[in-house]
N, C-alpha and C. Protein backbone atom coordinates (compact mmCIF):
# COMPACT_ATOMS: atom_id res chain seq x y z
N UNK A 1 0.84 -1.18 0.00
CA UNK A 1 0.00 0.00 0.00
C UNK A 1 0.88 1.24 0.00
N UNK A 2 0.66 2.14 -0.94
CA UNK A 2 1.47 3.36 -1.05
C UNK A 2 1.07 4.35 0.03
N UNK A 3 2.04 5.04 0.56
CA UNK A 3 1.78 6.07 1.56
C UNK A 3 1.57 7.40 0.87
N UNK A 4 0.65 8.17 1.39
CA UNK A 4 0.38 9.49 0.86
C UNK A 4 1.33 10.50 1.48
N UNK A 5 1.70 11.57 0.76
CA UNK A 5 2.55 12.61 1.33
C UNK A 5 1.91 13.21 2.58
N UNK A 6 2.73 13.66 3.46
CA UNK A 6 2.25 14.25 4.71
C UNK A 6 1.85 15.69 4.47
N UNK A 7 0.58 15.98 4.70
CA UNK A 7 0.12 17.36 4.64
C UNK A 7 0.29 17.94 6.03
N UNK A 8 0.80 19.15 6.09
CA UNK A 8 1.11 19.75 7.38
C UNK A 8 0.25 20.98 7.61
N UNK A 9 -0.32 21.02 8.78
CA UNK A 9 -1.01 22.21 9.24
C UNK A 9 -0.15 22.81 10.33
N UNK A 10 0.17 24.10 10.27
CA UNK A 10 1.02 24.69 11.29
C UNK A 10 0.40 24.53 12.68
N UNK A 11 1.22 24.11 13.63
CA UNK A 11 0.80 24.01 15.02
C UNK A 11 0.85 25.41 15.63
N UNK A 12 0.22 25.60 16.79
CA UNK A 12 0.19 26.91 17.42
C UNK A 12 1.59 27.42 17.72
N UNK A 13 2.47 26.56 18.25
CA UNK A 13 3.84 26.99 18.55
C UNK A 13 4.56 27.41 17.27
N UNK A 14 4.35 26.67 16.18
CA UNK A 14 4.97 27.03 14.91
C UNK A 14 4.42 28.36 14.41
N UNK A 15 3.12 28.58 14.56
CA UNK A 15 2.53 29.84 14.13
C UNK A 15 3.11 31.01 14.91
N UNK A 16 3.32 30.81 16.21
CA UNK A 16 3.91 31.87 17.03
C UNK A 16 5.33 32.16 16.58
N UNK A 17 6.11 31.13 16.22
CA UNK A 17 7.47 31.33 15.73
C UNK A 17 7.46 32.13 14.44
N UNK A 18 6.43 31.91 13.61
CA UNK A 18 6.34 32.62 12.34
C UNK A 18 6.20 34.12 12.55
N UNK A 19 5.63 34.53 13.67
CA UNK A 19 5.44 35.94 13.94
C UNK A 19 6.72 36.60 14.43
N UNK A 20 7.66 35.81 14.95
CA UNK A 20 8.92 36.32 15.46
C UNK A 20 9.79 36.78 14.29
N UNK A 21 10.46 37.88 14.48
CA UNK A 21 11.33 38.44 13.44
C UNK A 21 12.72 38.69 14.00
N UNK A 22 13.72 38.55 13.16
CA UNK A 22 15.08 38.93 13.54
C UNK A 22 15.16 40.44 13.60
N UNK A 23 16.19 40.95 14.25
CA UNK A 23 16.38 42.40 14.35
C UNK A 23 16.54 42.99 12.94
N UNK A 24 16.25 44.27 12.78
CA UNK A 24 16.42 44.90 11.46
C UNK A 24 17.84 44.77 10.93
N UNK A 25 18.85 44.82 11.82
CA UNK A 25 20.24 44.70 11.39
C UNK A 25 20.52 43.30 10.84
N UNK A 26 20.04 42.28 11.53
CA UNK A 26 20.25 40.90 11.06
C UNK A 26 19.49 40.67 9.77
N UNK A 27 18.27 41.17 9.68
CA UNK A 27 17.51 41.01 8.44
C UNK A 27 18.23 41.66 7.27
N UNK A 28 18.76 42.86 7.48
CA UNK A 28 19.47 43.57 6.41
C UNK A 28 20.72 42.79 5.99
N UNK A 29 21.46 42.26 6.97
CA UNK A 29 22.68 41.49 6.67
C UNK A 29 22.34 40.23 5.87
N UNK A 30 21.30 39.51 6.29
CA UNK A 30 20.90 38.28 5.60
C UNK A 30 20.41 38.60 4.19
N UNK A 31 19.57 39.60 4.05
CA UNK A 31 19.05 39.95 2.72
C UNK A 31 20.17 40.42 1.77
N UNK A 32 21.12 41.19 2.29
CA UNK A 32 22.24 41.65 1.45
C UNK A 32 23.07 40.47 0.97
N UNK A 33 23.33 39.52 1.84
CA UNK A 33 24.08 38.32 1.45
C UNK A 33 23.30 37.50 0.43
N UNK A 34 22.01 37.33 0.67
CA UNK A 34 21.16 36.55 -0.25
C UNK A 34 21.18 37.18 -1.65
N UNK A 35 21.15 38.49 -1.71
CA UNK A 35 21.15 39.19 -3.01
C UNK A 35 22.45 38.95 -3.77
N UNK A 36 23.54 38.62 -3.07
CA UNK A 36 24.82 38.35 -3.73
C UNK A 36 24.91 36.92 -4.24
N UNK A 37 23.95 36.08 -3.93
CA UNK A 37 23.98 34.68 -4.37
C UNK A 37 23.45 34.56 -5.79
N UNK A 38 24.34 34.25 -6.69
CA UNK A 38 23.95 34.11 -8.10
C UNK A 38 22.94 33.00 -8.33
N UNK A 39 23.12 31.86 -7.65
CA UNK A 39 22.22 30.73 -7.89
C UNK A 39 20.79 31.05 -7.45
N UNK A 40 20.64 31.66 -6.28
CA UNK A 40 19.28 31.97 -5.81
C UNK A 40 18.59 32.94 -6.77
N UNK A 41 19.33 33.93 -7.27
CA UNK A 41 18.76 34.86 -8.25
C UNK A 41 18.42 34.15 -9.55
N UNK A 42 19.29 33.27 -9.99
CA UNK A 42 19.06 32.52 -11.23
C UNK A 42 17.81 31.64 -11.12
N UNK A 43 17.63 31.01 -9.96
CA UNK A 43 16.45 30.16 -9.75
C UNK A 43 15.16 30.97 -9.60
N UNK A 44 15.28 32.23 -9.15
CA UNK A 44 14.09 33.05 -8.89
C UNK A 44 13.60 32.91 -7.46
N UNK A 45 14.48 32.45 -6.55
CA UNK A 45 14.10 32.27 -5.14
C UNK A 45 14.11 33.61 -4.42
N UNK A 46 13.35 33.68 -3.33
CA UNK A 46 13.33 34.89 -2.50
C UNK A 46 13.16 34.50 -1.04
N UNK A 47 13.67 35.34 -0.17
CA UNK A 47 13.50 35.12 1.27
C UNK A 47 12.10 35.59 1.65
N UNK A 48 11.37 34.74 2.37
CA UNK A 48 10.01 35.07 2.80
C UNK A 48 9.94 35.44 4.27
N UNK A 49 10.88 34.93 5.09
CA UNK A 49 10.80 35.19 6.54
C UNK A 49 12.19 34.99 7.16
N UNK A 50 12.54 35.88 8.07
CA UNK A 50 13.81 35.79 8.80
C UNK A 50 13.51 35.97 10.28
N UNK A 51 13.81 34.94 11.07
CA UNK A 51 13.68 34.99 12.52
C UNK A 51 14.98 34.48 13.12
N UNK A 52 15.22 34.72 14.39
CA UNK A 52 16.44 34.17 14.99
C UNK A 52 16.45 32.64 14.88
N UNK A 53 17.43 32.11 14.15
CA UNK A 53 17.56 30.67 13.99
C UNK A 53 16.58 30.03 13.04
N UNK A 54 15.91 30.83 12.22
CA UNK A 54 14.90 30.28 11.30
C UNK A 54 14.75 31.18 10.07
N UNK A 55 14.85 30.58 8.88
CA UNK A 55 14.69 31.33 7.64
C UNK A 55 13.84 30.51 6.67
N UNK A 56 12.93 31.20 5.96
CA UNK A 56 12.09 30.60 4.94
C UNK A 56 12.50 31.17 3.58
N UNK A 57 12.67 30.30 2.60
CA UNK A 57 12.96 30.71 1.23
C UNK A 57 11.90 30.10 0.32
N UNK A 58 11.35 30.92 -0.56
CA UNK A 58 10.27 30.51 -1.46
C UNK A 58 10.80 30.49 -2.90
N UNK A 59 10.39 29.45 -3.63
CA UNK A 59 10.74 29.32 -5.04
C UNK A 59 9.46 29.11 -5.84
N UNK A 60 9.04 30.11 -6.65
CA UNK A 60 7.84 29.95 -7.47
C UNK A 60 8.02 28.90 -8.55
N UNK A 61 6.92 28.26 -8.91
CA UNK A 61 6.94 27.26 -9.97
C UNK A 61 7.09 27.95 -11.32
N UNK A 62 7.99 27.41 -12.11
CA UNK A 62 8.15 27.83 -13.50
C UNK A 62 8.91 26.73 -14.23
N UNK A 63 8.78 26.63 -15.53
CA UNK A 63 9.38 25.51 -16.26
C UNK A 63 10.89 25.35 -16.04
N UNK A 64 11.60 26.43 -15.82
CA UNK A 64 13.06 26.37 -15.68
C UNK A 64 13.53 25.67 -14.41
N UNK A 65 12.66 25.45 -13.42
CA UNK A 65 13.07 24.79 -12.17
C UNK A 65 12.42 23.42 -12.01
N UNK A 66 11.87 22.89 -13.12
CA UNK A 66 11.23 21.58 -13.06
C UNK A 66 12.07 20.53 -13.77
N UNK A 67 11.72 19.27 -13.51
CA UNK A 67 12.35 18.17 -14.23
C UNK A 67 11.38 17.68 -15.30
N UNK A 68 11.73 16.56 -15.93
CA UNK A 68 10.99 16.11 -17.12
C UNK A 68 9.53 15.74 -16.88
N UNK A 69 9.14 15.47 -15.62
CA UNK A 69 7.76 15.11 -15.32
C UNK A 69 6.94 16.30 -14.81
N UNK A 70 7.57 17.48 -14.76
CA UNK A 70 6.87 18.68 -14.34
C UNK A 70 6.97 18.99 -12.85
N UNK A 71 7.63 18.13 -12.07
CA UNK A 71 7.84 18.40 -10.65
C UNK A 71 9.02 19.35 -10.49
N UNK A 72 9.08 20.04 -9.35
CA UNK A 72 10.28 20.82 -9.05
C UNK A 72 11.48 19.86 -9.07
N UNK A 73 12.57 20.30 -9.66
CA UNK A 73 13.77 19.48 -9.74
C UNK A 73 14.39 19.33 -8.34
N UNK A 74 14.91 18.14 -8.05
CA UNK A 74 15.55 17.89 -6.75
C UNK A 74 16.71 18.84 -6.51
N UNK A 75 17.40 19.24 -7.56
CA UNK A 75 18.51 20.19 -7.40
C UNK A 75 18.03 21.55 -6.91
N UNK A 76 16.90 22.02 -7.44
CA UNK A 76 16.33 23.29 -6.99
C UNK A 76 15.81 23.17 -5.56
N UNK A 77 15.16 22.04 -5.28
CA UNK A 77 14.64 21.79 -3.93
C UNK A 77 15.78 21.77 -2.92
N UNK A 78 16.84 21.06 -3.24
CA UNK A 78 17.99 20.95 -2.35
C UNK A 78 18.72 22.28 -2.19
N UNK A 79 18.83 23.02 -3.26
CA UNK A 79 19.55 24.30 -3.21
C UNK A 79 18.88 25.29 -2.27
N UNK A 80 17.55 25.41 -2.35
CA UNK A 80 16.90 26.37 -1.46
C UNK A 80 16.89 25.86 -0.02
N UNK A 81 16.87 24.55 0.18
CA UNK A 81 16.96 23.99 1.53
C UNK A 81 18.32 24.33 2.13
N UNK A 82 19.39 24.13 1.36
CA UNK A 82 20.74 24.44 1.82
C UNK A 82 20.86 25.91 2.20
N UNK A 83 20.35 26.80 1.37
CA UNK A 83 20.43 28.23 1.66
C UNK A 83 19.58 28.62 2.87
N UNK A 84 18.40 28.02 3.01
CA UNK A 84 17.55 28.34 4.16
C UNK A 84 18.26 27.97 5.46
N UNK A 85 18.90 26.80 5.50
CA UNK A 85 19.65 26.40 6.69
C UNK A 85 20.84 27.30 6.94
N UNK A 86 21.56 27.63 5.89
CA UNK A 86 22.72 28.50 6.04
C UNK A 86 22.35 29.87 6.59
N UNK A 87 21.29 30.43 6.08
CA UNK A 87 20.88 31.75 6.57
C UNK A 87 20.26 31.68 7.96
N UNK A 88 19.59 30.57 8.27
CA UNK A 88 19.09 30.40 9.64
C UNK A 88 20.25 30.42 10.62
N UNK A 89 21.33 29.70 10.29
CA UNK A 89 22.52 29.69 11.15
C UNK A 89 23.13 31.08 11.25
N UNK A 90 23.21 31.78 10.13
CA UNK A 90 23.86 33.09 10.13
C UNK A 90 23.11 34.11 10.98
N UNK A 91 21.82 33.92 11.20
CA UNK A 91 21.08 34.86 12.06
C UNK A 91 21.58 34.83 13.50
N UNK A 92 22.26 33.74 13.88
CA UNK A 92 22.75 33.60 15.25
C UNK A 92 24.25 33.85 15.37
N UNK A 93 24.93 34.11 14.24
CA UNK A 93 26.37 34.34 14.24
C UNK A 93 26.68 35.82 14.47
N UNK A 94 27.90 36.11 14.93
CA UNK A 94 28.31 37.51 15.07
C UNK A 94 28.28 38.22 13.71
N UNK A 95 28.20 39.54 13.76
CA UNK A 95 28.10 40.33 12.53
C UNK A 95 29.29 40.13 11.60
N UNK A 96 30.48 39.90 12.17
CA UNK A 96 31.69 39.76 11.35
C UNK A 96 31.96 38.33 10.91
N UNK A 97 30.98 37.44 11.08
CA UNK A 97 31.16 36.03 10.72
C UNK A 97 30.30 35.69 9.51
N UNK A 98 30.67 34.60 8.86
CA UNK A 98 29.91 34.08 7.74
C UNK A 98 29.73 32.58 7.94
N UNK A 99 29.06 31.94 7.03
CA UNK A 99 28.72 30.53 7.18
C UNK A 99 29.05 29.78 5.89
N UNK A 100 29.52 28.55 6.06
CA UNK A 100 29.71 27.64 4.94
C UNK A 100 29.12 26.29 5.31
N UNK A 101 28.50 25.64 4.34
CA UNK A 101 27.96 24.30 4.58
C UNK A 101 29.12 23.31 4.61
N UNK A 102 29.13 22.48 5.65
CA UNK A 102 30.11 21.41 5.76
C UNK A 102 29.54 20.15 5.09
N UNK A 103 28.28 19.85 5.40
CA UNK A 103 27.60 18.72 4.77
C UNK A 103 26.10 18.85 4.99
N UNK A 104 25.34 18.18 4.12
CA UNK A 104 23.91 18.06 4.38
C UNK A 104 23.38 16.80 3.73
N UNK A 105 22.31 16.32 4.31
CA UNK A 105 21.62 15.12 3.83
C UNK A 105 20.17 15.51 3.67
N UNK A 106 19.60 15.16 2.53
CA UNK A 106 18.19 15.48 2.31
C UNK A 106 17.47 14.25 1.78
N UNK A 107 16.29 14.00 2.30
CA UNK A 107 15.43 12.93 1.81
C UNK A 107 14.29 13.57 1.04
N UNK A 108 14.07 13.11 -0.17
CA UNK A 108 12.96 13.57 -1.00
C UNK A 108 11.78 12.64 -0.68
N UNK A 109 10.76 13.18 -0.06
CA UNK A 109 9.67 12.38 0.49
C UNK A 109 8.48 12.23 -0.45
N UNK A 110 8.30 13.19 -1.33
CA UNK A 110 7.16 13.19 -2.25
C UNK A 110 7.51 14.08 -3.43
N UNK A 111 6.87 13.88 -4.58
CA UNK A 111 7.11 14.79 -5.70
C UNK A 111 6.79 16.23 -5.27
N UNK A 112 7.69 17.15 -5.59
CA UNK A 112 7.53 18.55 -5.21
C UNK A 112 6.66 19.25 -6.25
N UNK A 113 5.41 19.49 -5.88
CA UNK A 113 4.46 20.16 -6.76
C UNK A 113 3.80 21.30 -6.01
N UNK A 114 3.26 22.25 -6.77
CA UNK A 114 2.52 23.35 -6.17
C UNK A 114 2.77 24.64 -6.90
N UNK A 115 2.14 25.70 -6.37
CA UNK A 115 2.37 27.05 -6.90
C UNK A 115 3.81 27.46 -6.64
N UNK A 116 4.32 26.98 -5.50
CA UNK A 116 5.71 27.24 -5.12
C UNK A 116 6.14 26.20 -4.11
N UNK A 117 7.45 26.15 -3.88
CA UNK A 117 7.96 25.35 -2.77
C UNK A 117 8.55 26.32 -1.76
N UNK A 118 8.52 25.91 -0.50
CA UNK A 118 9.04 26.75 0.57
C UNK A 118 9.99 25.94 1.42
N UNK A 119 11.24 26.39 1.49
CA UNK A 119 12.25 25.74 2.33
C UNK A 119 12.31 26.46 3.67
N UNK A 120 12.37 25.68 4.74
CA UNK A 120 12.48 26.24 6.08
C UNK A 120 13.72 25.66 6.73
N UNK A 121 14.66 26.52 7.06
CA UNK A 121 15.85 26.12 7.78
C UNK A 121 15.69 26.52 9.23
N UNK A 122 15.92 25.58 10.14
CA UNK A 122 15.76 25.83 11.58
C UNK A 122 16.99 25.34 12.31
N UNK A 123 17.60 26.21 13.11
CA UNK A 123 18.77 25.83 13.88
C UNK A 123 18.35 24.89 15.00
N UNK A 124 19.01 23.72 15.06
CA UNK A 124 18.80 22.77 16.15
C UNK A 124 19.81 22.99 17.26
N UNK A 125 21.06 23.29 16.87
CA UNK A 125 22.14 23.51 17.84
C UNK A 125 23.13 24.48 17.23
N UNK A 126 23.31 25.63 17.87
CA UNK A 126 24.26 26.62 17.41
C UNK A 126 25.48 26.58 18.31
N UNK A 127 26.63 26.25 17.74
CA UNK A 127 27.86 26.19 18.51
C UNK A 127 28.81 27.29 18.10
N UNK A 128 29.94 27.35 18.79
CA UNK A 128 30.94 28.37 18.49
C UNK A 128 31.52 28.17 17.09
N UNK A 129 31.71 26.91 16.70
CA UNK A 129 32.30 26.60 15.40
C UNK A 129 31.30 25.94 14.46
N UNK A 130 30.61 24.90 14.93
CA UNK A 130 29.66 24.16 14.10
C UNK A 130 28.22 24.40 14.54
N UNK A 131 27.33 24.44 13.57
CA UNK A 131 25.91 24.60 13.81
C UNK A 131 25.17 23.52 13.02
N UNK A 132 24.13 22.96 13.63
CA UNK A 132 23.33 21.93 12.98
C UNK A 132 21.92 22.48 12.77
N UNK A 133 21.40 22.28 11.55
CA UNK A 133 20.06 22.78 11.20
C UNK A 133 19.18 21.65 10.67
N UNK A 134 17.88 21.80 10.92
CA UNK A 134 16.87 20.94 10.30
C UNK A 134 16.45 21.65 9.02
N UNK A 135 16.28 20.88 7.96
CA UNK A 135 15.84 21.41 6.66
C UNK A 135 14.50 20.77 6.31
N UNK A 136 13.53 21.58 5.95
CA UNK A 136 12.24 21.08 5.49
C UNK A 136 11.85 21.85 4.23
N UNK A 137 11.27 21.14 3.28
CA UNK A 137 10.76 21.79 2.08
C UNK A 137 9.33 21.34 1.89
N UNK A 138 8.46 22.31 1.66
CA UNK A 138 7.03 22.06 1.48
C UNK A 138 6.61 22.44 0.07
N UNK A 139 5.76 21.62 -0.54
CA UNK A 139 5.07 22.00 -1.76
C UNK A 139 3.82 22.74 -1.32
N UNK A 140 3.61 23.93 -1.87
CA UNK A 140 2.49 24.76 -1.44
C UNK A 140 1.55 25.01 -2.61
N UNK A 141 0.30 24.60 -2.43
CA UNK A 141 -0.74 24.82 -3.43
C UNK A 141 -1.92 25.44 -2.69
N UNK A 142 -2.12 26.76 -2.88
CA UNK A 142 -3.17 27.45 -2.14
C UNK A 142 -2.89 27.40 -0.65
N UNK A 143 -3.84 26.87 0.14
CA UNK A 143 -3.69 26.76 1.59
C UNK A 143 -3.03 25.44 2.00
N UNK A 144 -2.79 24.56 1.06
CA UNK A 144 -2.28 23.23 1.37
C UNK A 144 -0.75 23.18 1.30
N UNK A 145 -0.12 22.73 2.40
CA UNK A 145 1.34 22.57 2.48
C UNK A 145 1.64 21.09 2.66
N UNK A 146 2.45 20.54 1.76
CA UNK A 146 2.83 19.13 1.83
C UNK A 146 4.34 19.04 2.00
N UNK A 147 4.78 18.31 3.00
CA UNK A 147 6.20 18.11 3.22
C UNK A 147 6.74 17.23 2.08
N UNK A 148 7.68 17.79 1.30
CA UNK A 148 8.22 17.05 0.16
C UNK A 148 9.68 16.66 0.34
N UNK A 149 10.36 17.30 1.29
CA UNK A 149 11.76 16.96 1.56
C UNK A 149 12.10 17.33 2.99
N UNK A 150 12.98 16.53 3.59
CA UNK A 150 13.45 16.80 4.96
C UNK A 150 14.91 16.41 5.05
N UNK A 151 15.65 17.15 5.84
CA UNK A 151 17.07 16.85 5.96
C UNK A 151 17.71 17.50 7.15
N UNK A 152 19.00 17.32 7.22
CA UNK A 152 19.81 17.90 8.29
C UNK A 152 21.10 18.42 7.69
N UNK A 153 21.63 19.47 8.29
CA UNK A 153 22.78 20.16 7.73
C UNK A 153 23.74 20.55 8.84
N UNK A 154 25.03 20.49 8.54
CA UNK A 154 26.06 20.99 9.44
C UNK A 154 26.77 22.14 8.74
N UNK A 155 26.96 23.24 9.49
CA UNK A 155 27.59 24.43 8.94
C UNK A 155 28.74 24.85 9.82
N UNK A 156 29.68 25.59 9.25
CA UNK A 156 30.81 26.11 10.02
C UNK A 156 30.78 27.63 9.99
N UNK A 157 31.08 28.21 11.13
CA UNK A 157 31.18 29.66 11.28
C UNK A 157 32.60 30.06 10.89
N UNK A 158 32.73 30.99 9.94
CA UNK A 158 34.04 31.46 9.51
C UNK A 158 34.09 32.97 9.58
N UNK A 159 35.29 33.50 9.77
CA UNK A 159 35.45 34.95 9.77
C UNK A 159 35.26 35.46 8.35
N UNK A 160 34.46 36.48 8.21
CA UNK A 160 34.19 37.06 6.89
C UNK A 160 35.38 37.92 6.48
N UNK A 161 35.80 37.76 5.24
CA UNK A 161 36.92 38.59 4.74
C UNK A 161 36.38 39.96 4.36
N UNK A 162 37.24 40.95 4.43
CA UNK A 162 36.85 42.32 4.05
C UNK A 162 36.56 42.36 2.56
N UNK A 163 35.52 43.08 2.19
CA UNK A 163 35.15 43.16 0.76
C UNK A 163 35.29 44.58 0.27
């Protein structure tokens, strides 16, 4: 018997987290860095929410980000998940620090379909050097959110070079 994708309704605690926002300085730093990412711009992704230890990135559906069956391509799904986790970690780092992904693992749970997909990166443990994040990607069609990918990521805090 085939299992159906998990449809998710936000819990009250999750809804309260959605209302939380990072400071204006952190938001500006994250958005400025995101704007410098060529891949995110090429894909058409945008940041939808920035909170301490949590970032949402949205990717609208369009033919250029799909695979041969019309689903969002796993590469696009994985790329926005990686960036969401990286920026979630960076919200907790000092202003003069940056982040690099050390490794990540993602499971594709269901075909990624919808008006858009939304990646949510959430810090599980922020350390002085290494940070671990949970990665979730949802297919969003109207009010319906379906979990299509889940993973975990390890990032390293590095000193940002002068630009």
